C-alpha atoms as a PDB file:
ATOM      1  CA  MET A   1       0.000   0.000   0.000  1.00  0.00           C
ATOM      2  CA  ASP A   2       1.364   3.435  -0.913  1.00  0.00           C
ATOM      3  CA  ALA A   3       2.117   5.951   1.802  1.00  0.00           C
ATOM      4  CA  PRO A   4      -0.305   8.883   2.135  1.00  0.00           C
ATOM      5  CA  LEU A   5       0.628  12.179   0.505  1.00  0.00           C
ATOM      6  CA  SER A   6       2.758  14.412   2.735  1.00  0.00           C
ATOM      7  CA  ARG A   7       3.318  18.007   1.690  1.00  0.00           C
ATOM      8  CA  ASP A   8       6.194  19.891   3.353  1.00  0.00           C
ATOM      9  CA  ASN A   9       4.703  19.304   6.769  1.00  0.00           C
ATOM     10  CA  GLY A  10       7.536  17.528   8.538  1.00  0.00           C
ATOM     11  CA  ALA A  11       5.424  14.414   8.949  1.00  0.00           C
ATOM     12  CA  LEU A  12       7.149  11.112   8.404  1.00  0.00           C
ATOM     13  CA  ALA A  13       5.834   9.113   5.440  1.00  0.00           C
ATOM     14  CA  ARG A  14       5.820   5.482   6.563  1.00  0.00           C
ATOM     15  CA  PRO A  15       5.752   2.702   3.973  1.00  0.00           C
ATOM     16  CA  THR A  16       4.516  -0.597   5.336  1.00  0.00           C
ATOM     17  CA  ALA A  17       7.601  -2.664   4.405  1.00  0.00           C
ATOM     18  CA  ALA A  18      10.764  -2.818   6.532  1.00  0.00           C
ATOM     19  CA  VAL A  19      12.917   0.304   6.316  1.00  0.00           C
ATOM     20  CA  ARG A  20      16.575   0.455   5.314  1.00  0.00           C
ATOM     21  CA  LEU A  21      17.235   4.138   4.519  1.00  0.00           C
ATOM     22  CA  ALA A  22      15.613   7.171   6.134  1.00  0.00           C
ATOM     23  CA  ALA A  23      15.979  10.944   6.127  1.00  0.00           C
ATOM     24  CA  ARG A  24      15.086  12.728   9.373  1.00  0.00           C
ATOM     25  CA  ALA A  25      14.251  16.454   9.114  1.00  0.00           C
ATOM     26  CA  LEU A  26      16.839  16.722   6.338  1.00  0.00           C
ATOM     27  CA  SER A  27      17.741  20.111   4.878  1.00  0.00           C
ATOM     28  CA  VAL A  28      19.932  20.541   1.796  1.00  0.00           C
ATOM     29  CA  HIS A  29      21.615  23.832   0.870  1.00  0.00           C
ATOM     30  CA  ALA A  30      23.752  24.997  -2.047  1.00  0.00           C
ATOM     31  CA  GLY A  31      25.754  27.878  -0.638  1.00  0.00           C
ATOM     32  CA  ALA A  32      23.218  30.311   0.814  1.00  0.00           C
ATOM     33  CA  ARG A  33      20.313  28.744  -1.113  1.00  0.00           C
ATOM     34  CA  GLU A  34      17.946  26.476   0.761  1.00  0.00           C
ATOM     35  CA  LEU A  35      16.897  23.759  -1.710  1.00  0.00           C
ATOM     36  CA  VAL A  36      15.195  21.212   0.580  1.00  0.00           C
ATOM     37  CA  ARG A  37      13.767  21.959   4.031  1.00  0.00           C
ATOM     38  CA  GLY A  38      12.913  19.390   6.691  1.00  0.00           C
ATOM     39  CA  LEU A  39      12.619  16.318   4.476  1.00  0.00           C
ATOM     40  CA  SER A  40      11.480  13.290   6.470  1.00  0.00           C
ATOM     41  CA  VAL A  41      10.978  10.075   4.532  1.00  0.00           C
ATOM     42  CA  GLU A  42      11.577   6.370   4.965  1.00  0.00           C
ATOM     43  CA  PHE A  43      12.511   4.304   1.921  1.00  0.00           C
ATOM     44  CA  ALA A  44      11.265   0.739   2.113  1.00  0.00           C
ATOM     45  CA  ARG A  45      12.442  -2.518   0.627  1.00  0.00           C
ATOM     46  CA  GLY A  46      10.662  -3.329  -2.592  1.00  0.00           C
ATOM     47  CA  GLU A  47       9.915   0.188  -3.794  1.00  0.00           C
ATOM     48  CA  VAL A  48      11.113   2.606  -6.471  1.00  0.00           C
ATOM     49  CA  VAL A  49      11.075   6.282  -5.520  1.00  0.00           C
ATOM     50  CA  ALA A  50      11.611   8.847  -8.286  1.00  0.00           C
ATOM     51  CA  ILE A  51      12.919  12.345  -7.516  1.00  0.00           C
ATOM     52  CA  LEU A  52      11.730  15.034  -9.943  1.00  0.00           C
ATOM     53  CA  GLY A  53      12.402  18.752 -10.176  1.00  0.00           C
ATOM     54  CA  ARG A  54      13.706  21.557 -12.334  1.00  0.00           C
ATOM     55  CA  ASN A  55      17.403  22.008 -13.043  1.00  0.00           C
ATOM     56  CA  GLY A  56      19.067  23.312  -9.901  1.00  0.00           C
ATOM     57  CA  SER A  57      16.267  22.184  -7.593  1.00  0.00           C
ATOM     58  CA  GLY A  58      18.573  19.953  -5.545  1.00  0.00           C
ATOM     59  CA  LYS A  59      17.937  16.493  -6.975  1.00  0.00           C
ATOM     60  CA  THR A  60      21.608  15.500  -7.251  1.00  0.00           C
ATOM     61  CA  LEU A  61      22.604  17.194  -3.983  1.00  0.00           C
ATOM     62  CA  THR A  62      19.788  15.406  -2.165  1.00  0.00           C
ATOM     63  CA  LEU A  63      20.849  12.074  -3.646  1.00  0.00           C
ATOM     64  CA  HIS A  64      24.479  12.703  -2.659  1.00  0.00           C
ATOM     65  CA  THR A  65      23.356  13.625   0.853  1.00  0.00           C
ATOM     66  CA  LEU A  66      21.409  10.367   1.099  1.00  0.00           C
ATOM     67  CA  ALA A  67      24.578   8.577  -0.031  1.00  0.00           C
ATOM     68  CA  GLY A  68      26.654  10.247   2.680  1.00  0.00           C
ATOM     69  CA  LEU A  69      28.864  12.117   0.209  1.00  0.00           C
ATOM     70  CA  ARG A  70      27.959  15.538   1.626  1.00  0.00           C
ATOM     71  CA  GLN A  71      26.769  16.799   4.976  1.00  0.00           C
ATOM     72  CA  PRO A  72      23.178  17.986   5.313  1.00  0.00           C
ATOM     73  CA  ALA A  73      22.544  21.554   6.433  1.00  0.00           C
ATOM     74  CA  ALA A  74      20.297  20.047   9.117  1.00  0.00           C
ATOM     75  CA  GLY A  75      18.890  16.669  10.046  1.00  0.00           C
ATOM     76  CA  GLU A  76      20.424  13.284   9.415  1.00  0.00           C
ATOM     77  CA  VAL A  77      20.382  10.215   7.193  1.00  0.00           C
ATOM     78  CA  MET A  78      19.987   6.785   8.794  1.00  0.00           C
ATOM     79  CA  LEU A  79      21.047   3.487   7.252  1.00  0.00           C
ATOM     80  CA  ASP A  80      19.505   0.481   8.973  1.00  0.00           C
ATOM     81  CA  GLY A  81      18.906   2.672  12.006  1.00  0.00           C
ATOM     82  CA  VAL A  82      22.488   4.001  12.233  1.00  0.00           C
ATOM     83  CA  PRO A  83      23.517   7.564  11.261  1.00  0.00           C
ATOM     84  CA  LEU A  84      25.632   7.479   8.103  1.00  0.00           C
ATOM     85  CA  GLY A  85      28.372   9.461   9.820  1.00  0.00           C
ATOM     86  CA  GLU A  86      28.966   6.562  12.216  1.00  0.00           C
ATOM     87  CA  LEU A  87      29.596   4.049   9.417  1.00  0.00           C
ATOM     88  CA  THR A  88      32.746   3.459   7.379  1.00  0.00           C
ATOM     89  CA  ARG A  89      32.604   4.008   3.627  1.00  0.00           C
ATOM     90  CA  ARG A  90      33.081   0.263   3.083  1.00  0.00           C
ATOM     91  CA  ALA A  91      30.188  -0.559   5.410  1.00  0.00           C
ATOM     92  CA  ILE A  92      28.032   1.894   3.471  1.00  0.00           C
ATOM     93  CA  ALA A  93      29.166   0.553   0.088  1.00  0.00           C
ATOM     94  CA  LEU A  94      28.228  -2.995   1.060  1.00  0.00           C
ATOM     95  CA  ARG A  95      24.617  -1.874   1.503  1.00  0.00           C
ATOM     96  CA  LEU A  96      24.242   1.232  -0.645  1.00  0.00           C
ATOM     97  CA  GLY A  97      25.398   1.911  -4.215  1.00  0.00           C
ATOM     98  CA  LEU A  98      25.413   5.212  -6.129  1.00  0.00           C
ATOM     99  CA  LEU A  99      25.272   5.735  -9.894  1.00  0.00           C
ATOM    100  CA  PRO A 100      26.586   9.280 -10.484  1.00  0.00           C
ATOM    101  CA  GLN A 101      25.040  11.463 -13.155  1.00  0.00           C
ATOM    102  CA  ASP A 102      28.216  11.575 -15.245  1.00  0.00           C
ATOM    103  CA  LEU A 103      31.410   9.547 -15.015  1.00  0.00           C
ATOM    104  CA  GLU A 104      34.828  10.574 -16.273  1.00  0.00           C
ATOM    105  CA  ASP A 105      37.404   7.802 -16.512  1.00  0.00           C
ATOM    106  CA  ALA A 106      40.942   9.024 -15.901  1.00  0.00           C
ATOM    107  CA  PHE A 107      42.344   5.813 -17.387  1.00  0.00           C
ATOM    108  CA  VAL A 108      41.438   3.611 -20.306  1.00  0.00           C
ATOM    109  CA  THR A 109      40.114   0.275 -19.063  1.00  0.00           C
ATOM    110  CA  THR A 110      38.135  -2.609 -20.480  1.00  0.00           C
ATOM    111  CA  ALA A 111      34.439  -2.912 -19.785  1.00  0.00           C
ATOM    112  CA  MET A 112      35.155  -5.937 -17.583  1.00  0.00           C
ATOM    113  CA  GLU A 113      37.739  -4.054 -15.508  1.00  0.00           C
ATOM    114  CA  THR A 114      35.273  -1.227 -14.984  1.00  0.00           C
ATOM    115  CA  VAL A 115      32.479  -3.560 -13.896  1.00  0.00           C
ATOM    116  CA  LEU A 116      34.776  -5.432 -11.506  1.00  0.00           C
ATOM    117  CA  ILE A 117      35.276  -2.167  -9.599  1.00  0.00           C
ATOM    118  CA  GLY A 118      31.762  -2.777  -8.347  1.00  0.00           C
ATOM    119  CA  ARG A 119      33.009  -5.878  -6.543  1.00  0.00           C
ATOM    120  CA  HIS A 120      35.689  -4.014  -4.539  1.00  0.00           C
ATOM    121  CA  PRO A 121      33.568  -3.450  -1.388  1.00  0.00           C
ATOM    122  CA  HIS A 122      33.267  -7.237  -1.110  1.00  0.00           C
ATOM    123  CA  LEU A 123      37.037  -7.855  -1.254  1.00  0.00           C
ATOM    124  CA  ALA A 124      39.559  -7.749   1.545  1.00  0.00           C
ATOM    125  CA  LEU A 125      42.515  -5.388   1.281  1.00  0.00           C
ATOM    126  CA  TRP A 126      44.874  -6.536  -1.524  1.00  0.00           C
ATOM    127  CA  GLN A 127      42.537  -9.392  -2.431  1.00  0.00           C
ATOM    128  CA  TRP A 128      42.181 -10.143  -6.147  1.00  0.00           C
ATOM    129  CA  GLU A 129      38.828 -10.726  -7.805  1.00  0.00           C
ATOM    130  CA  THR A 130      37.717 -14.349  -7.790  1.00  0.00           C
ATOM    131  CA  ALA A 131      36.062 -16.428 -10.491  1.00  0.00           C
ATOM    132  CA  GLU A 132      32.754 -15.698  -8.781  1.00  0.00           C
ATOM    133  CA  ASP A 133      33.388 -11.960  -9.034  1.00  0.00           C
ATOM    134  CA  GLU A 134      34.096 -12.344 -12.744  1.00  0.00           C
ATOM    135  CA  ARG A 135      30.938 -14.410 -13.196  1.00  0.00           C
ATOM    136  CA  LEU A 136      28.861 -11.701 -11.554  1.00  0.00           C
ATOM    137  CA  ALA A 137      30.526  -9.049 -13.732  1.00  0.00           C
ATOM    138  CA  HIS A 138      29.744 -11.010 -16.900  1.00  0.00           C
ATOM    139  CA  GLU A 139      26.164 -11.448 -15.701  1.00  0.00           C
ATOM    140  CA  ALA A 140      25.854  -7.700 -15.082  1.00  0.00           C
ATOM    141  CA  LEU A 141      27.164  -6.854 -18.559  1.00  0.00           C
ATOM    142  CA  ALA A 142      24.699  -9.272 -20.123  1.00  0.00           C
ATOM    143  CA  ALA A 143      21.846  -7.658 -18.170  1.00  0.00           C
ATOM    144  CA  VAL A 144      22.490  -4.318 -19.922  1.00  0.00           C
ATOM    145  CA  ASP A 145      22.883  -5.889 -23.399  1.00  0.00           C
ATOM    146  CA  LEU A 146      26.703  -5.747 -23.310  1.00  0.00           C
ATOM    147  CA  GLY A 147      27.452  -9.434 -22.928  1.00  0.00           C
ATOM    148  CA  ASP A 148      30.020  -9.377 -25.755  1.00  0.00           C
ATOM    149  CA  PHE A 149      31.729  -6.180 -24.575  1.00  0.00           C
ATOM    150  CA  ALA A 150      33.904  -7.519 -21.735  1.00  0.00           C
ATOM    151  CA  ALA A 151      37.176  -6.895 -23.608  1.00  0.00           C
ATOM    152  CA  ARG A 152      36.135  -3.609 -25.222  1.00  0.00           C
ATOM    153  CA  ARG A 153      38.247  -0.586 -24.260  1.00  0.00           C
ATOM    154  CA  SER A 154      36.397   2.273 -22.601  1.00  0.00           C
ATOM    155  CA  ASP A 155      37.686   4.773 -25.184  1.00  0.00           C
ATOM    156  CA  THR A 156      35.913   2.836 -27.954  1.00  0.00           C
ATOM    157  CA  LEU A 157      32.485   2.954 -26.314  1.00  0.00           C
ATOM    158  CA  SER A 158      29.710   5.386 -27.150  1.00  0.00           C
ATOM    159  CA  GLY A 159      28.233   7.565 -24.415  1.00  0.00           C
ATOM    160  CA  GLY A 160      25.271   5.234 -24.060  1.00  0.00           C
ATOM    161  CA  GLU A 161      27.509   2.157 -23.897  1.00  0.00           C
ATOM    162  CA  GLN A 162      29.661   3.792 -21.217  1.00  0.00           C
ATOM    163  CA  ARG A 163      26.510   4.557 -19.251  1.00  0.00           C
ATOM    164  CA  ARG A 164      25.383   0.946 -19.444  1.00  0.00           C
ATOM    165  CA  VAL A 165      28.836  -0.250 -18.305  1.00  0.00           C
ATOM    166  CA  ALA A 166      28.475   2.052 -15.277  1.00  0.00           C
ATOM    167  CA  VAL A 167      25.061   0.526 -14.575  1.00  0.00           C
ATOM    168  CA  ALA A 168      26.607  -2.945 -14.866  1.00  0.00           C
ATOM    169  CA  ALA A 169      29.274  -1.999 -12.302  1.00  0.00           C
ATOM    170  CA  LEU A 170      26.532  -0.949  -9.901  1.00  0.00           C
ATOM    171  CA  LEU A 171      24.630  -4.194 -10.511  1.00  0.00           C
ATOM    172  CA  ALA A 172      27.821  -6.160  -9.767  1.00  0.00           C
ATOM    173  CA  GLN A 173      28.168  -4.290  -6.465  1.00  0.00           C
ATOM    174  CA  GLN A 174      24.885  -5.921  -5.348  1.00  0.00           C
ATOM    175  CA  PRO A 175      23.835  -3.345  -2.747  1.00  0.00           C
ATOM    176  CA  ALA A 176      20.503  -3.487  -0.976  1.00  0.00           C
ATOM    177  CA  ILE A 177      19.839   0.170  -1.879  1.00  0.00           C
ATOM    178  CA  PHE A 178      20.422   1.748  -5.286  1.00  0.00           C
ATOM    179  CA  LEU A 179      20.772   5.528  -5.613  1.00  0.00           C
ATOM    180  CA  LEU A 180      20.596   6.471  -9.299  1.00  0.00           C
ATOM    181  CA  ASP A 181      21.325   9.959 -10.628  1.00  0.00           C
ATOM    182  CA  GLU A 182      19.690  10.281 -14.055  1.00  0.00           C
ATOM    183  CA  PRO A 183      20.271   6.621 -15.001  1.00  0.00           C
ATOM    184  CA  THR A 184      18.799   7.203 -18.478  1.00  0.00           C
ATOM    185  CA  ASN A 185      21.459   9.780 -19.429  1.00  0.00           C
ATOM    186  CA  HIS A 186      22.803   9.120 -22.961  1.00  0.00           C
ATOM    187  CA  LEU A 187      20.523   6.107 -23.435  1.00  0.00           C
ATOM    188  CA  ASP A 188      18.268   5.537 -26.432  1.00  0.00           C
ATOM    189  CA  PRO A 189      14.564   4.913 -25.693  1.00  0.00           C
ATOM    190  CA  HIS A 190      14.971   1.116 -25.845  1.00  0.00           C
ATOM    191  CA  HIS A 191      17.785   1.036 -23.309  1.00  0.00           C
ATOM    192  CA  GLN A 192      16.044   3.572 -21.071  1.00  0.00           C
ATOM    193  CA  LEU A 193      13.279   1.000 -20.665  1.00  0.00           C
ATOM    194  CA  VAL A 194      15.780  -1.865 -20.303  1.00  0.00           C
ATOM    195  CA  VAL A 195      17.711  -0.137 -17.517  1.00  0.00           C
ATOM    196  CA  LEU A 196      14.694   1.127 -15.602  1.00  0.00           C
ATOM    197  CA  GLY A 197      13.046  -2.273 -16.044  1.00  0.00           C
ATOM    198  CA  LEU A 198      16.095  -3.922 -14.448  1.00  0.00           C
ATOM    199  CA  PHE A 199      15.817  -1.737 -11.364  1.00  0.00           C
ATOM    200  CA  ARG A 200      12.052  -2.232 -11.230  1.00  0.00           C
ATOM    201  CA  GLU A 201      12.680  -6.000 -11.091  1.00  0.00           C
ATOM    202  CA  LEU A 202      15.337  -5.542  -8.414  1.00  0.00           C
ATOM    203  CA  ALA A 203      12.800  -3.631  -6.336  1.00  0.00           C
ATOM    204  CA  ARG A 204      10.327  -6.477  -6.757  1.00  0.00           C
ATOM    205  CA  SER A 205      12.991  -8.802  -5.356  1.00  0.00           C
ATOM    206  CA  GLY A 206      13.272  -6.653  -2.213  1.00  0.00           C
ATOM    207  CA  ARG A 207      15.852  -4.012  -3.086  1.00  0.00           C
ATOM    208  CA  THR A 208      15.264  -0.275  -2.636  1.00  0.00           C
ATOM    209  CA  VAL A 209      15.675   2.041  -5.644  1.00  0.00           C
ATOM    210  CA  ILE A 210      15.824   5.842  -5.422  1.00  0.00           C
ATOM    211  CA  THR A 211      16.355   7.614  -8.731  1.00  0.00           C
ATOM    212  CA  THR A 212      16.385  11.151 -10.077  1.00  0.00           C
ATOM    213  CA  LEU A 213      14.623  11.515 -13.416  1.00  0.00           C
ATOM    214  CA  HIS A 214      13.802  14.305 -15.846  1.00  0.00           C
ATOM    215  CA  ASP A 215      10.943  12.481 -17.552  1.00  0.00           C
ATOM    216  CA  PRO A 216       7.720  12.294 -15.490  1.00  0.00           C
ATOM    217  CA  THR A 217       6.329   9.718 -17.935  1.00  0.00           C
ATOM    218  CA  LEU A 218       9.115   7.309 -16.967  1.00  0.00           C
ATOM    219  CA  ALA A 219       8.480   8.073 -13.307  1.00  0.00           C
ATOM    220  CA  ALA A 220       4.779   7.266 -13.760  1.00  0.00           C
ATOM    221  CA  ARG A 221       5.673   3.982 -15.456  1.00  0.00           C
ATOM    222  CA  PHE A 222       8.349   2.649 -13.107  1.00  0.00           C
ATOM    223  CA  ALA A 223       8.055   4.358  -9.703  1.00  0.00           C
ATOM    224  CA  ASP A 224       5.839   3.608  -6.718  1.00  0.00           C
ATOM    225  CA  ARG A 225       6.293   7.015  -5.099  1.00  0.00           C
ATOM    226  CA  VAL A 226       7.648  10.377  -6.224  1.00  0.00           C
ATOM    227  CA  LEU A 227       9.490  13.112  -4.377  1.00  0.00           C
ATOM    228  CA  LEU A 228       8.964  16.483  -6.062  1.00  0.00           C
ATOM    229  CA  LEU A 229      11.586  19.146  -5.239  1.00  0.00           C
ATOM    230  CA  HIS A 230      10.636  22.763  -5.908  1.00  0.00           C
ATOM    231  CA  GLY A 231      14.115  24.186  -5.286  1.00  0.00           C
ATOM    232  CA  ASP A 232      13.004  26.681  -2.622  1.00  0.00           C
ATOM    233  CA  GLY A 233      12.802  24.322   0.347  1.00  0.00           C
ATOM    234  CA  ARG A 234       9.360  22.911  -0.510  1.00  0.00           C
ATOM    235  CA  TRP A 235       8.870  19.260  -1.369  1.00  0.00           C
ATOM    236  CA  THR A 236       5.975  16.941  -2.098  1.00  0.00           C
ATOM    237  CA  LEU A 237       6.031  13.208  -1.424  1.00  0.00           C
ATOM    238  CA  GLY A 238       3.348  10.778  -2.418  1.00  0.00           C
ATOM    239  CA  ALA A 239       2.157   7.804  -4.409  1.00  0.00           C
ATOM    240  CA  VAL A 240       2.635   8.166  -8.161  1.00  0.00           C
ATOM    241  CA  ARG A 241      -1.100   8.189  -8.899  1.00  0.00           C
ATOM    242  CA  GLU A 242      -1.756  10.976  -6.385  1.00  0.00           C
ATOM    243  CA  ALA A 243       1.353  13.153  -6.701  1.00  0.00           C
ATOM    244  CA  LEU A 244       1.914  13.046 -10.481  1.00  0.00           C
ATOM    245  CA  ASN A 245      -0.652  14.953 -12.491  1.00  0.00           C
ATOM    246  CA  ALA A 246      -0.808  17.912 -14.862  1.00  0.00           C
ATOM    247  CA  ALA A 247      -1.406  20.413 -12.063  1.00  0.00           C
ATOM    248  CA  THR A 248       1.448  19.330  -9.794  1.00  0.00           C
ATOM    249  CA  LEU A 249       3.873  19.042 -12.720  1.00  0.00           C
ATOM    250  CA  SER A 250       2.902  22.450 -14.107  1.00  0.00           C
ATOM    251  CA  GLU A 251       3.695  23.935 -10.697  1.00  0.00           C
ATOM    252  CA  LEU A 252       6.920  21.945 -10.420  1.00  0.00           C
ATOM    253  CA  TYR A 253       8.333  22.847 -13.827  1.00  0.00           C
ATOM    254  CA  LEU A 254       6.824  26.363 -14.057  1.00  0.00           C
ATOM    255  CA  ALA A 255       5.428  25.397 -17.450  1.00  0.00           C
ATOM    256  CA  PRO A 256       2.014  24.079 -18.526  1.00  0.00           C
ATOM    257  CA  MET A 257       1.897  20.283 -18.677  1.00  0.00           C
ATOM    258  CA  MET A 258      -0.727  17.936 -20.100  1.00  0.00           C
ATOM    259  CA  GLU A 259      -1.614  14.403 -19.018  1.00  0.00           C
ATOM    260  CA  LEU A 260      -2.577  11.885 -21.704  1.00  0.00           C
ATOM    261  CA  GLU A 261      -3.413   8.208 -21.427  1.00  0.00           C
ATOM    262  CA  GLN A 262      -2.256   5.586 -23.914  1.00  0.00           C
ATOM    263  CA  ASP A 263      -2.739   1.826 -23.575  1.00  0.00           C
ATOM    264  CA  GLY A 264      -3.396   2.171 -19.867  1.00  0.00           C
ATOM    265  CA  ARG A 265      -0.265   4.262 -19.270  1.00  0.00           C
ATOM    266  CA  ARG A 266      -0.121   7.937 -18.369  1.00  0.00           C
ATOM    267  CA  VAL A 267       2.008  10.218 -20.545  1.00  0.00           C
ATOM    268  CA  PHE A 268       3.004  13.777 -19.604  1.00  0.00           C
ATOM    269  CA  VAL A 269       3.904  16.355 -22.241  1.00  0.00           C
ATOM    270  CA  SER A 270       4.379  20.116 -22.407  1.00  0.00           C
ATOM    271  CA  ALA A 271       1.091  21.839 -23.206  1.00  0.00           C
END
């Protein structure tokens, strides 16, 4: 059952499933700008939560704060009931994985070498990857339609192929919680659906997926709940059916939006 709609009221939205990641009265700033004020939300196993907002509204900064990569202006992030600041980066990486918005490789590597980086949290210091690690890496590449790309050099890959290799590395990490920053960047429409479908299936298996998206139609198709960030401290959290509509999106994007329905799916377009 979806959590009830909570609108910038400080109330804690409580999904029914067991909780792994939670924000408590979280505030996110960029310099002197307050982007998110008093965000309280629990992310449950088995759900996909999409974060939507205009450019500069704080989507990436909020995701990085949830990942423990930056300090909140106020409040705290809890992972399995423990504040992130009390956990080591390795302990976090074993349970939580982040797909950054853009990746820049300083060195040329093969696709397989890149994906095996995802296995590093599971290895002891100075331990080499095992046959099982390589099997999982091959499996991850196959999941993103790159099964024959293991030996391909990173400097020969297109932007979309590099993005799918990065997704494969995150899949190989096997965290319980996936934080995705614009996972559809550089992807053609087919692979947008492939990648988001993969994470939808992982949520069905009990993982937690939190993803920023630009396309509300994709959010309506794949997410259970949405977090709308207005960029001035205000936020809206609710079930997709309740929180995503032409009125809320027009307010969010400061542009008129229309809602259409096609084959039982809702589509949002600029009016």
